[in-house]
Amino acid sequence: MYRVNKIVTVLSRKLFFNSIFRAILESYLKFSISTWISIKKLDFSTIDTKEEKINVLMTFIFLTIILAFPPFTYVILHKFKHKLEEEDFKGRFESLYLNVNTKVEKSILMITLFVFRRLLYAAGIVFLAGSTVAQVFMQFFCCLMMTIFFIVVKPLNEPFLNRMEIFNELCLLICSYYLFMFTDFIPDVQTRFLAGWGFIGIAVFNIGVNWACLFYKVYLVLRVIIKKKYYQWKFNKLKAAKE
């Protein structure tokens, strides 16, 4: 019975909290875009049928969710900041602050900014479709905001992770500068073409560095495992020789 209760407790933590939050975070951008599209297409003069009224109601429910989720993440982490290292709290809410340095108070803003950034992206895609410059400025603002945040706060619990996030944000910031060259500010097609190769080069460089770091981390883990196995084998061999 004890084992059954333990399994039920673990599943309730993972399935009903962490998994839900993880699913929301992973689908938040698409969810926000679809909600903004629904809001943009709303026409109250044509709401006559029951199905249309239900659609409007669901649209506003989804709108409430996407608008409330960013402040919710901050409020829940700030209110229970003294419990962030407790196993029971981790089992329920760790998806909201995974790899975050809980000793730095401002670090809990990371997930809030992460979600807010996607909310702005979604709004820009839907409502600023006819204004390329406005979309580019929004992209630039978001990249600059996150770059400053990572440099000043260093919210992650490993220096390596902080450096990688700063590197990624700087690459995005440079790419956001390149976006201006693809607007009407640069009328020459050849110049845009050459700028495109620069943009691709930065993207490829960023991907290459991330992959190299990933392989290096895997190599370090495998090296530790192999060394442990080797020393264990050597110890067993010496032990058998003595016997």
C-alpha atoms as a PDB file:
ATOM      1  CA  MET A   1       0.000   0.000   0.000  1.00  0.00           C
ATOM      2  CA  TYR A   2       2.871   2.346   0.805  1.00  0.00           C
ATOM      3  CA  ARG A   3       4.381   1.806  -2.648  1.00  0.00           C
ATOM      4  CA  VAL A   4       1.017   2.388  -4.329  1.00  0.00           C
ATOM      5  CA  ASN A   5       0.529   5.657  -2.431  1.00  0.00           C
ATOM      6  CA  LYS A   6       4.049   6.733  -3.354  1.00  0.00           C
ATOM      7  CA  ILE A   7       3.427   6.033  -7.049  1.00  0.00           C
ATOM      8  CA  VAL A   8       0.125   7.911  -6.936  1.00  0.00           C
ATOM      9  CA  THR A   9       1.815  10.896  -5.268  1.00  0.00           C
ATOM     10  CA  VAL A  10       4.605  11.009  -7.852  1.00  0.00           C
ATOM     11  CA  LEU A  11       2.163  10.732 -10.754  1.00  0.00           C
ATOM     12  CA  SER A  12      -0.117  13.418  -9.346  1.00  0.00           C
ATOM     13  CA  ARG A  13       2.828  15.783  -9.066  1.00  0.00           C
ATOM     14  CA  LYS A  14       4.182  15.110 -12.531  1.00  0.00           C
ATOM     15  CA  LEU A  15       0.946  14.747 -14.484  1.00  0.00           C
ATOM     16  CA  PHE A  16      -1.234  17.421 -12.960  1.00  0.00           C
ATOM     17  CA  PHE A  17       1.306  20.214 -12.529  1.00  0.00           C
ATOM     18  CA  ASN A  18       4.721  19.912 -14.133  1.00  0.00           C
ATOM     19  CA  SER A  19       3.467  18.228 -17.295  1.00  0.00           C
ATOM     20  CA  ILE A  20       0.683  20.768 -17.742  1.00  0.00           C
ATOM     21  CA  PHE A  21       3.041  23.717 -17.275  1.00  0.00           C
ATOM     22  CA  ARG A  22       5.579  22.147 -19.630  1.00  0.00           C
ATOM     23  CA  ALA A  23       2.891  21.628 -22.288  1.00  0.00           C
ATOM     24  CA  ILE A  24       1.729  25.245 -21.928  1.00  0.00           C
ATOM     25  CA  LEU A  25       5.278  26.586 -22.220  1.00  0.00           C
ATOM     26  CA  GLU A  26       6.048  24.510 -25.300  1.00  0.00           C
ATOM     27  CA  SER A  27       2.831  25.430 -27.115  1.00  0.00           C
ATOM     28  CA  TYR A  28       2.429  28.984 -25.803  1.00  0.00           C
ATOM     29  CA  LEU A  29       3.548  30.736 -29.003  1.00  0.00           C
ATOM     30  CA  LYS A  30       1.224  28.761 -31.292  1.00  0.00           C
ATOM     31  CA  PHE A  31      -1.565  29.042 -28.748  1.00  0.00           C
ATOM     32  CA  SER A  32      -1.092  32.830 -28.563  1.00  0.00           C
ATOM     33  CA  ILE A  33      -1.014  33.249 -32.349  1.00  0.00           C
ATOM     34  CA  SER A  34      -4.259  31.303 -32.811  1.00  0.00           C
ATOM     35  CA  THR A  35      -5.924  33.283 -30.015  1.00  0.00           C
ATOM     36  CA  TRP A  36      -4.863  36.656 -31.445  1.00  0.00           C
ATOM     37  CA  ILE A  37      -6.106  35.573 -34.891  1.00  0.00           C
ATOM     38  CA  SER A  38      -9.475  34.692 -33.369  1.00  0.00           C
ATOM     39  CA  ILE A  39      -9.605  38.069 -31.621  1.00  0.00           C
ATOM     40  CA  LYS A  40      -8.744  39.900 -34.851  1.00  0.00           C
ATOM     41  CA  LYS A  41     -11.482  38.104 -36.772  1.00  0.00           C
ATOM     42  CA  LEU A  42     -14.192  38.717 -34.181  1.00  0.00           C
ATOM     43  CA  ASP A  43     -17.282  40.362 -35.597  1.00  0.00           C
ATOM     44  CA  PHE A  44     -19.971  40.875 -32.951  1.00  0.00           C
ATOM     45  CA  SER A  45     -22.529  41.904 -35.574  1.00  0.00           C
ATOM     46  CA  THR A  46     -22.612  38.364 -36.952  1.00  0.00           C
ATOM     47  CA  ILE A  47     -22.901  36.502 -33.648  1.00  0.00           C
ATOM     48  CA  ASP A  48     -26.330  34.922 -33.974  1.00  0.00           C
ATOM     49  CA  THR A  49     -26.054  31.170 -33.606  1.00  0.00           C
ATOM     50  CA  LYS A  50     -25.259  29.207 -30.472  1.00  0.00           C
ATOM     51  CA  GLU A  51     -22.039  27.870 -32.021  1.00  0.00           C
ATOM     52  CA  GLU A  52     -20.762  31.390 -32.736  1.00  0.00           C
ATOM     53  CA  LYS A  53     -21.496  32.476 -29.173  1.00  0.00           C
ATOM     54  CA  ILE A  54     -19.593  29.466 -27.849  1.00  0.00           C
ATOM     55  CA  ASN A  55     -16.666  30.297 -30.136  1.00  0.00           C
ATOM     56  CA  VAL A  56     -16.577  33.873 -28.841  1.00  0.00           C
ATOM     57  CA  LEU A  57     -16.739  32.657 -25.250  1.00  0.00           C
ATOM     58  CA  MET A  58     -13.896  30.182 -25.816  1.00  0.00           C
ATOM     59  CA  THR A  59     -11.842  32.886 -27.537  1.00  0.00           C
ATOM     60  CA  PHE A  60     -12.090  35.172 -24.512  1.00  0.00           C
ATOM     61  CA  ILE A  61     -11.323  32.286 -22.152  1.00  0.00           C
ATOM     62  CA  PHE A  62      -8.162  31.513 -24.143  1.00  0.00           C
ATOM     63  CA  LEU A  63      -7.300  35.224 -24.236  1.00  0.00           C
ATOM     64  CA  THR A  64      -7.587  35.369 -20.443  1.00  0.00           C
ATOM     65  CA  ILE A  65      -5.275  32.362 -20.139  1.00  0.00           C
ATOM     66  CA  ILE A  66      -2.525  33.706 -22.396  1.00  0.00           C
ATOM     67  CA  LEU A  67      -2.645  37.150 -20.764  1.00  0.00           C
ATOM     68  CA  ALA A  68      -2.735  35.777 -17.213  1.00  0.00           C
ATOM     69  CA  PHE A  69      -0.017  33.152 -17.613  1.00  0.00           C
ATOM     70  CA  PRO A  70       3.032  35.523 -17.641  1.00  0.00           C
ATOM     71  CA  PRO A  71       2.120  37.317 -14.371  1.00  0.00           C
ATOM     72  CA  PHE A  72       0.956  33.999 -12.895  1.00  0.00           C
ATOM     73  CA  THR A  73       4.427  32.488 -13.315  1.00  0.00           C
ATOM     74  CA  TYR A  74       6.029  35.380 -11.453  1.00  0.00           C
ATOM     75  CA  VAL A  75       3.408  35.570  -8.694  1.00  0.00           C
ATOM     76  CA  ILE A  76       3.531  31.838  -7.931  1.00  0.00           C
ATOM     77  CA  LEU A  77       7.348  31.735  -7.834  1.00  0.00           C
ATOM     78  CA  HIS A  78       7.663  34.970  -5.857  1.00  0.00           C
ATOM     79  CA  LYS A  79       5.016  33.981  -3.329  1.00  0.00           C
ATOM     80  CA  PHE A  80       6.606  30.584  -2.674  1.00  0.00           C
ATOM     81  CA  LYS A  81      10.252  31.560  -3.176  1.00  0.00           C
ATOM     82  CA  HIS A  82      11.105  30.044   0.220  1.00  0.00           C
ATOM     83  CA  LYS A  83       9.854  26.662  -1.046  1.00  0.00           C
ATOM     84  CA  LEU A  84      11.639  26.517  -4.389  1.00  0.00           C
ATOM     85  CA  GLU A  85      14.195  23.996  -3.138  1.00  0.00           C
ATOM     86  CA  GLU A  86      11.662  21.725  -1.430  1.00  0.00           C
ATOM     87  CA  GLU A  87      11.120  18.414  -3.195  1.00  0.00           C
ATOM     88  CA  ASP A  88       7.338  18.556  -2.917  1.00  0.00           C
ATOM     89  CA  PHE A  89       7.218  22.009  -4.532  1.00  0.00           C
ATOM     90  CA  LYS A  90       9.692  20.931  -7.219  1.00  0.00           C
ATOM     91  CA  GLY A  91       7.473  17.986  -8.045  1.00  0.00           C
ATOM     92  CA  ARG A  92       4.633  20.374  -8.788  1.00  0.00           C
ATOM     93  CA  PHE A  93       6.181  23.534 -10.211  1.00  0.00           C
ATOM     94  CA  GLU A  94       9.787  22.826 -11.224  1.00  0.00           C
ATOM     95  CA  SER A  95       8.915  23.237 -14.912  1.00  0.00           C
ATOM     96  CA  LEU A  96       8.521  26.954 -14.199  1.00  0.00           C
ATOM     97  CA  TYR A  97      12.074  27.376 -12.877  1.00  0.00           C
ATOM     98  CA  LEU A  98      14.100  24.472 -14.248  1.00  0.00           C
ATOM     99  CA  ASN A  99      17.875  25.227 -14.105  1.00  0.00           C
ATOM    100  CA  VAL A 100      17.149  28.611 -12.527  1.00  0.00           C
ATOM    101  CA  ASN A 101      19.425  29.845  -9.748  1.00  0.00           C
ATOM    102  CA  THR A 102      16.923  30.204  -6.921  1.00  0.00           C
ATOM    103  CA  LYS A 103      19.484  32.019  -4.747  1.00  0.00           C
ATOM    104  CA  VAL A 104      19.190  35.053  -7.036  1.00  0.00           C
ATOM    105  CA  GLU A 105      15.774  36.602  -6.418  1.00  0.00           C
ATOM    106  CA  LYS A 106      15.410  38.286  -9.824  1.00  0.00           C
ATOM    107  CA  SER A 107      16.141  35.028 -11.621  1.00  0.00           C
ATOM    108  CA  ILE A 108      12.514  33.944 -11.210  1.00  0.00           C
ATOM    109  CA  LEU A 109      11.676  36.641 -13.772  1.00  0.00           C
ATOM    110  CA  MET A 110      13.279  34.523 -16.479  1.00  0.00           C
ATOM    111  CA  ILE A 111      10.257  32.346 -17.226  1.00  0.00           C
ATOM    112  CA  THR A 112       7.946  35.393 -17.061  1.00  0.00           C
ATOM    113  CA  LEU A 113      10.072  37.248 -19.621  1.00  0.00           C
ATOM    114  CA  PHE A 114      10.325  34.063 -21.695  1.00  0.00           C
ATOM    115  CA  VAL A 115       6.529  33.816 -21.937  1.00  0.00           C
ATOM    116  CA  PHE A 116       5.965  37.573 -22.314  1.00  0.00           C
ATOM    117  CA  ARG A 117       8.396  37.610 -25.219  1.00  0.00           C
ATOM    118  CA  ARG A 118       6.356  34.992 -27.061  1.00  0.00           C
ATOM    119  CA  LEU A 119       3.157  36.872 -26.299  1.00  0.00           C
ATOM    120  CA  LEU A 120       4.632  39.962 -27.985  1.00  0.00           C
ATOM    121  CA  TYR A 121       5.871  37.900 -30.942  1.00  0.00           C
ATOM    122  CA  ALA A 122       2.412  36.435 -31.443  1.00  0.00           C
ATOM    123  CA  ALA A 123       0.738  39.856 -31.244  1.00  0.00           C
ATOM    124  CA  GLY A 124       3.271  41.281 -33.698  1.00  0.00           C
ATOM    125  CA  ILE A 125       2.735  38.459 -36.188  1.00  0.00           C
ATOM    126  CA  VAL A 126      -1.041  38.959 -36.179  1.00  0.00           C
ATOM    127  CA  PHE A 127      -1.557  42.696 -35.686  1.00  0.00           C
ATOM    128  CA  LEU A 128       1.594  44.098 -37.319  1.00  0.00           C
ATOM    129  CA  ALA A 129       1.531  41.966 -40.451  1.00  0.00           C
ATOM    130  CA  GLY A 130       1.398  45.073 -42.621  1.00  0.00           C
ATOM    131  CA  SER A 131       4.236  46.888 -40.849  1.00  0.00           C
ATOM    132  CA  THR A 132       7.570  45.152 -41.327  1.00  0.00           C
ATOM    133  CA  VAL A 133       9.481  47.907 -39.555  1.00  0.00           C
ATOM    134  CA  ALA A 134       7.302  47.622 -36.441  1.00  0.00           C
ATOM    135  CA  GLN A 135       7.837  43.856 -36.372  1.00  0.00           C
ATOM    136  CA  VAL A 136      11.594  44.309 -36.699  1.00  0.00           C
ATOM    137  CA  PHE A 137      11.655  46.858 -33.876  1.00  0.00           C
ATOM    138  CA  MET A 138       9.662  44.476 -31.683  1.00  0.00           C
ATOM    139  CA  GLN A 139      12.131  41.675 -32.427  1.00  0.00           C
ATOM    140  CA  PHE A 140      15.033  43.989 -31.645  1.00  0.00           C
ATOM    141  CA  PHE A 141      13.445  45.175 -28.386  1.00  0.00           C
ATOM    142  CA  CYS A 142      12.797  41.612 -27.176  1.00  0.00           C
ATOM    143  CA  CYS A 143      16.337  40.460 -28.003  1.00  0.00           C
ATOM    144  CA  LEU A 144      17.863  43.499 -26.308  1.00  0.00           C
ATOM    145  CA  MET A 145      15.678  43.046 -23.227  1.00  0.00           C
ATOM    146  CA  MET A 146      16.643  39.377 -22.808  1.00  0.00           C
ATOM    147  CA  THR A 147      20.343  40.045 -23.512  1.00  0.00           C
ATOM    148  CA  ILE A 148      20.507  42.717 -20.792  1.00  0.00           C
ATOM    149  CA  PHE A 149      18.624  40.448 -18.398  1.00  0.00           C
ATOM    150  CA  PHE A 150      20.989  37.502 -18.870  1.00  0.00           C
ATOM    151  CA  ILE A 151      24.114  39.671 -18.637  1.00  0.00           C
ATOM    152  CA  VAL A 152      22.999  41.529 -15.496  1.00  0.00           C
ATOM    153  CA  VAL A 153      21.086  38.853 -13.560  1.00  0.00           C
ATOM    154  CA  LYS A 154      22.745  35.605 -14.738  1.00  0.00           C
ATOM    155  CA  PRO A 155      19.620  33.652 -13.724  1.00  0.00           C
ATOM    156  CA  LEU A 156      20.743  30.083 -14.448  1.00  0.00           C
ATOM    157  CA  ASN A 157      22.388  27.805 -11.912  1.00  0.00           C
ATOM    158  CA  GLU A 158      25.494  27.033 -13.991  1.00  0.00           C
ATOM    159  CA  PRO A 159      27.983  29.558 -15.433  1.00  0.00           C
ATOM    160  CA  PHE A 160      28.117  27.481 -18.621  1.00  0.00           C
ATOM    161  CA  LEU A 161      24.348  27.791 -19.133  1.00  0.00           C
ATOM    162  CA  ASN A 162      24.455  31.540 -18.512  1.00  0.00           C
ATOM    163  CA  ARG A 163      27.263  31.965 -21.041  1.00  0.00           C
ATOM    164  CA  MET A 164      25.383  29.928 -23.627  1.00  0.00           C
ATOM    165  CA  GLU A 165      22.194  31.946 -23.140  1.00  0.00           C
ATOM    166  CA  ILE A 166      24.112  35.223 -23.435  1.00  0.00           C
ATOM    167  CA  PHE A 167      25.800  33.910 -26.594  1.00  0.00           C
ATOM    168  CA  ASN A 168      22.453  32.854 -28.111  1.00  0.00           C
ATOM    169  CA  GLU A 169      20.798  36.170 -27.277  1.00  0.00           C
ATOM    170  CA  LEU A 170      23.707  38.132 -28.724  1.00  0.00           C
ATOM    171  CA  CYS A 171      23.439  36.105 -31.939  1.00  0.00           C
ATOM    172  CA  LEU A 172      19.719  36.852 -32.076  1.00  0.00           C
ATOM    173  CA  LEU A 173      20.402  40.522 -31.398  1.00  0.00           C
ATOM    174  CA  ILE A 174      22.893  40.694 -34.282  1.00  0.00           C
ATOM    175  CA  CYS A 175      20.399  38.913 -36.538  1.00  0.00           C
ATOM    176  CA  SER A 176      17.734  41.438 -35.534  1.00  0.00           C
ATOM    177  CA  TYR A 177      20.045  44.198 -36.796  1.00  0.00           C
ATOM    178  CA  TYR A 178      20.318  42.338 -40.091  1.00  0.00           C
ATOM    179  CA  LEU A 179      16.525  42.340 -40.390  1.00  0.00           C
ATOM    180  CA  PHE A 180      16.598  46.082 -41.040  1.00  0.00           C
ATOM    181  CA  MET A 181      18.583  45.362 -44.197  1.00  0.00           C
ATOM    182  CA  PHE A 182      15.714  43.268 -45.561  1.00  0.00           C
ATOM    183  CA  THR A 183      13.230  46.157 -45.362  1.00  0.00           C
ATOM    184  CA  ASP A 184      12.604  49.074 -47.742  1.00  0.00           C
ATOM    185  CA  PHE A 185      15.438  50.974 -46.043  1.00  0.00           C
ATOM    186  CA  ILE A 186      17.761  49.038 -48.354  1.00  0.00           C
ATOM    187  CA  PRO A 187      16.277  49.248 -51.873  1.00  0.00           C
ATOM    188  CA  ASP A 188      19.223  47.522 -53.599  1.00  0.00           C
ATOM    189  CA  VAL A 189      18.470  43.829 -54.171  1.00  0.00           C
ATOM    190  CA  GLN A 190      22.136  42.838 -54.382  1.00  0.00           C
ATOM    191  CA  THR A 191      22.854  44.395 -50.995  1.00  0.00           C
ATOM    192  CA  ARG A 192      19.961  42.466 -49.474  1.00  0.00           C
ATOM    193  CA  PHE A 193      21.279  39.286 -51.070  1.00  0.00           C
ATOM    194  CA  LEU A 194      24.734  39.771 -49.543  1.00  0.00           C
ATOM    195  CA  ALA A 195      23.212  40.651 -46.170  1.00  0.00           C
ATOM    196  CA  GLY A 196      21.252  37.406 -46.365  1.00  0.00           C
ATOM    197  CA  TRP A 197      24.501  35.433 -46.543  1.00  0.00           C
ATOM    198  CA  GLY A 198      25.735  37.258 -43.456  1.00  0.00           C
ATOM    199  CA  PHE A 199      22.501  36.417 -41.669  1.00  0.00           C
ATOM    200  CA  ILE A 200      22.825  32.745 -42.643  1.00  0.00           C
ATOM    201  CA  GLY A 201      26.462  32.722 -41.509  1.00  0.00           C
ATOM    202  CA  ILE A 202      25.551  33.948 -38.028  1.00  0.00           C
ATOM    203  CA  ALA A 203      22.727  31.406 -37.767  1.00  0.00           C
ATOM    204  CA  VAL A 204      24.988  28.539 -38.854  1.00  0.00           C
ATOM    205  CA  PHE A 205      27.719  29.696 -36.462  1.00  0.00           C
ATOM    206  CA  ASN A 206      25.218  29.781 -33.589  1.00  0.00           C
ATOM    207  CA  ILE A 207      23.897  26.313 -34.372  1.00  0.00           C
ATOM    208  CA  GLY A 208      27.433  24.958 -34.753  1.00  0.00           C
ATOM    209  CA  VAL A 209      28.564  26.331 -31.386  1.00  0.00           C
ATOM    210  CA  ASN A 210      25.477  24.939 -29.652  1.00  0.00           C
ATOM    211  CA  TRP A 211      26.002  21.507 -31.194  1.00  0.00           C
ATOM    212  CA  ALA A 212      29.710  21.552 -30.305  1.00  0.00           C
ATOM    213  CA  CYS A 213      28.904  22.434 -26.690  1.00  0.00           C
ATOM    214  CA  LEU A 214      26.278  19.705 -26.576  1.00  0.00           C
ATOM    215  CA  PHE A 215      28.714  17.078 -27.850  1.00  0.00           C
ATOM    216  CA  TYR A 216      31.363  18.311 -25.410  1.00  0.00           C
ATOM    217  CA  LYS A 217      28.956  17.958 -22.463  1.00  0.00           C
ATOM    218  CA  VAL A 218      28.019  14.459 -23.619  1.00  0.00           C
ATOM    219  CA  TYR A 219      31.726  13.620 -23.954  1.00  0.00           C
ATOM    220  CA  LEU A 220      32.398  14.766 -20.375  1.00  0.00           C
ATOM    221  CA  VAL A 221      29.552  12.638 -19.047  1.00  0.00           C
ATOM    222  CA  LEU A 222      30.663   9.583 -21.035  1.00  0.00           C
ATOM    223  CA  ARG A 223      34.261  10.060 -19.890  1.00  0.00           C
ATOM    224  CA  VAL A 224      33.189  10.038 -16.244  1.00  0.00           C
ATOM    225  CA  ILE A 225      31.075   6.916 -16.788  1.00  0.00           C
ATOM    226  CA  ILE A 226      33.882   5.109 -18.629  1.00  0.00           C
ATOM    227  CA  LYS A 227      36.400   6.026 -15.928  1.00  0.00           C
ATOM    228  CA  LYS A 228      34.079   4.718 -13.226  1.00  0.00           C
ATOM    229  CA  LYS A 229      33.581   1.477 -15.129  1.00  0.00           C
ATOM    230  CA  TYR A 230      37.316   1.146 -15.722  1.00  0.00           C
ATOM    231  CA  TYR A 231      38.264   1.736 -12.082  1.00  0.00           C
ATOM    232  CA  GLN A 232      35.514  -0.612 -10.953  1.00  0.00           C
ATOM    233  CA  TRP A 233      36.794  -3.294 -13.334  1.00  0.00           C
ATOM    234  CA  LYS A 234      40.376  -2.730 -12.162  1.00  0.00           C
ATOM    235  CA  PHE A 235      39.309  -2.896  -8.514  1.00  0.00           C
ATOM    236  CA  ASN A 236      37.394  -6.151  -9.080  1.00  0.00           C
ATOM    237  CA  LYS A 237      40.376  -7.591 -10.925  1.00  0.00           C
ATOM    238  CA  LEU A 238      42.776  -6.758  -8.056  1.00  0.00           C
ATOM    239  CA  LYS A 239      40.288  -8.065  -5.545  1.00  0.00           C
ATOM    240  CA  ALA A 240      39.967 -11.365  -7.449  1.00  0.00           C
ATOM    241  CA  ALA A 241      43.782 -11.651  -7.694  1.00  0.00           C
ATOM    242  CA  LYS A 242      44.181 -11.259  -3.937  1.00  0.00           C
ATOM    243  CA  GLU A 243      41.573 -13.923  -3.294  1.00  0.00           C
END
